[in-house]
Protein backbone atom coordinates (compact mmCIF):
# COMPACT_ATOMS: atom_id res chain seq x y z
CA MET A 1 27.05 19.90 27.90
CA SER A 2 30.37 18.93 26.38
CA TYR A 3 31.11 18.86 22.67
CA THR A 4 31.28 15.03 22.74
CA GLY A 5 27.91 14.84 24.52
CA LEU A 6 26.36 17.16 21.96
CA ILE A 7 27.66 15.04 19.06
CA SER A 8 26.29 11.88 20.71
CA LEU A 9 22.90 13.52 21.19
CA LEU A 10 22.79 14.67 17.55
CA GLN A 11 23.68 11.16 16.35
CA LYS A 12 20.86 9.66 18.42
CA CYS A 13 18.40 12.25 17.08
CA PHE A 14 19.49 11.55 13.50
CA LEU A 15 19.12 7.77 13.98
CA GLY A 16 15.65 8.32 15.47
CA PHE A 17 14.72 10.46 12.47
CA LEU A 18 15.91 7.77 10.03
CA LEU A 19 13.91 5.13 11.89
CA ALA A 20 10.76 7.28 11.76
CA VAL A 21 11.17 7.95 8.03
CA GLY A 22 11.75 4.23 7.39
CA ILE A 23 8.52 3.35 9.21
CA LEU A 24 6.58 6.05 7.36
CA VAL A 25 7.86 4.90 3.95
CA THR A 26 6.89 1.30 4.80
CA LEU A 27 3.39 2.33 5.88
CA CYS A 28 2.90 4.43 2.74
CA ASP A 29 4.07 1.75 0.34
CA ALA A 30 0.76 1.34 -1.48
CA ALA A 31 0.72 0.00 -5.02
CA CYS A 32 -0.71 2.79 -7.19
CA PHE A 33 -1.15 3.55 -10.86
CA HIS A 34 -2.41 6.49 -12.89
CA GLU A 35 -4.17 6.56 -16.25
CA ALA A 36 -3.66 9.98 -17.80
CA ALA A 37 -6.67 11.72 -19.33
CA SER A 38 -6.84 11.71 -23.11
CA PRO A 39 -8.03 14.74 -25.08
CA ARG A 40 -10.23 12.41 -27.13
CA LYS A 41 -12.07 11.05 -24.09
CA SER A 42 -15.03 12.58 -22.27
CA THR A 43 -14.69 16.11 -20.95
CA ARG A 44 -17.26 15.33 -18.24
CA GLY A 45 -15.16 12.81 -16.39
CA CYS A 46 -13.12 9.62 -16.71
CA ILE A 47 -13.98 6.41 -18.48
CA GLN A 48 -12.86 3.07 -17.08
CA ASP A 49 -14.09 -0.20 -18.57
CA GLY A 50 -16.75 1.66 -20.54
CA LYS A 51 -18.22 3.39 -17.47
CA LEU A 52 -18.20 7.19 -17.03
CA TYR A 53 -17.07 8.55 -13.66
CA HIS A 54 -17.61 12.28 -13.17
CA TYR A 55 -14.75 14.47 -11.95
CA GLY A 56 -14.40 14.10 -8.18
CA ALA A 57 -15.90 10.60 -8.15
CA THR A 58 -14.30 7.82 -6.12
CA TRP A 59 -14.95 4.07 -6.36
CA ILE A 60 -13.46 0.70 -5.43
CA LYS A 61 -12.77 -1.87 -8.13
CA ASN A 62 -10.79 -5.11 -7.86
CA CYS A 63 -9.42 -4.07 -4.44
CA TYR A 64 -8.18 -0.69 -5.69
CA SER A 65 -9.54 2.65 -4.52
CA CYS A 66 -9.84 4.91 -7.56
CA SER A 67 -10.62 8.57 -8.14
CA CYS A 68 -11.23 10.75 -11.19
CA ASP A 69 -9.96 14.26 -11.81
CA LYS A 70 -9.12 16.31 -14.90
CA GLY A 71 -5.66 14.67 -14.99
CA GLY A 72 -7.15 11.18 -15.31
CA ILE A 73 -7.79 8.17 -13.09
CA GLY A 74 -5.64 7.36 -10.07
CA CYS A 75 -5.96 4.05 -8.25
CA CYS A 76 -4.18 2.62 -5.18
CA SER A 77 -4.43 -0.81 -3.62
CA ILE A 78 -6.49 -1.12 -0.45
CA PHE A 79 -4.83 -4.36 0.62
CA PHE A 80 -1.52 -5.16 2.25
CA ARG A 81 0.49 -8.34 1.76
CA PRO A 82 2.21 -10.04 4.71
CA ASP A 83 6.00 -10.10 4.33
CA GLY A 84 8.87 -11.75 6.14
CA PHE A 85 7.43 -15.22 6.69
CA ASP A 86 8.66 -18.77 6.07
CA GLU A 87 7.43 -19.53 2.54
CA GLU A 88 8.22 -23.23 2.90
CA LYS A 89 6.08 -23.67 6.00
CA CYS A 90 3.33 -21.12 5.33
CA LYS A 91 0.59 -20.70 2.72
CA LEU A 92 -0.46 -17.19 1.63
CA THR A 93 -3.98 -16.83 0.18
CA PHE A 94 -5.62 -13.68 -1.22
CA HIS A 95 -9.35 -13.20 -0.58
CA GLU A 96 -10.72 -10.90 -3.28
CA GLU A 97 -14.15 -10.52 -1.62
CA SER A 98 -12.53 -8.89 1.45
CA CYS A 99 -9.34 -7.57 -0.23
CA SER A 100 -7.22 -9.31 2.38
CA TYR A 101 -4.69 -12.12 2.81
CA SER A 102 -4.62 -15.07 5.15
CA LEU A 103 -1.33 -16.66 6.15
CA VAL A 104 -1.58 -20.15 7.65
CA GLN A 105 0.71 -23.05 8.37
CA LYS A 106 0.77 -25.63 5.57
CA ALA A 107 1.00 -28.48 8.10
CA ASN A 108 -1.89 -27.11 10.20
CA PRO A 109 -4.14 -24.63 8.32
CA SER A 110 -6.02 -23.79 11.52
CA LYS A 111 -2.91 -21.98 12.82
CA THR A 112 -1.63 -18.67 11.51
CA CYS A 113 1.99 -17.99 10.61
CA PRO A 114 4.06 -15.18 12.07
CA PHE A 115 5.30 -12.44 9.76
CA THR A 116 7.46 -9.35 10.19
CA GLY A 117 5.70 -6.69 8.12
CA MET A 118 3.10 -5.69 5.56
CA VAL A 119 3.64 -4.29 2.07
CA GLY A 120 1.14 -3.15 -0.49
């Protein structure tokens, strides 16, 4: 293989790597937050909205998957929002009972709208 061919191959491999990383970052783009543990709070677990969750516990609240450890409470969204759609022609609705979105045409709500990706 010539030097020029090797350089071309390396460039293609690098571009493939960047594409894979870009896809992975998009798929892992969950909205998360962390509430640090306080020394004044319970030493048996975490307290959220007045309820005690023991260390190692996991639960779902308001479409967020949460867990408790000695560092505090960590929660991440379990829903993804459609992205890359025509906002003038389409209506986006969040359904809290199923933690999901629907995206329909404003002119004909029985038809869905196309979109290019999901973020969340």
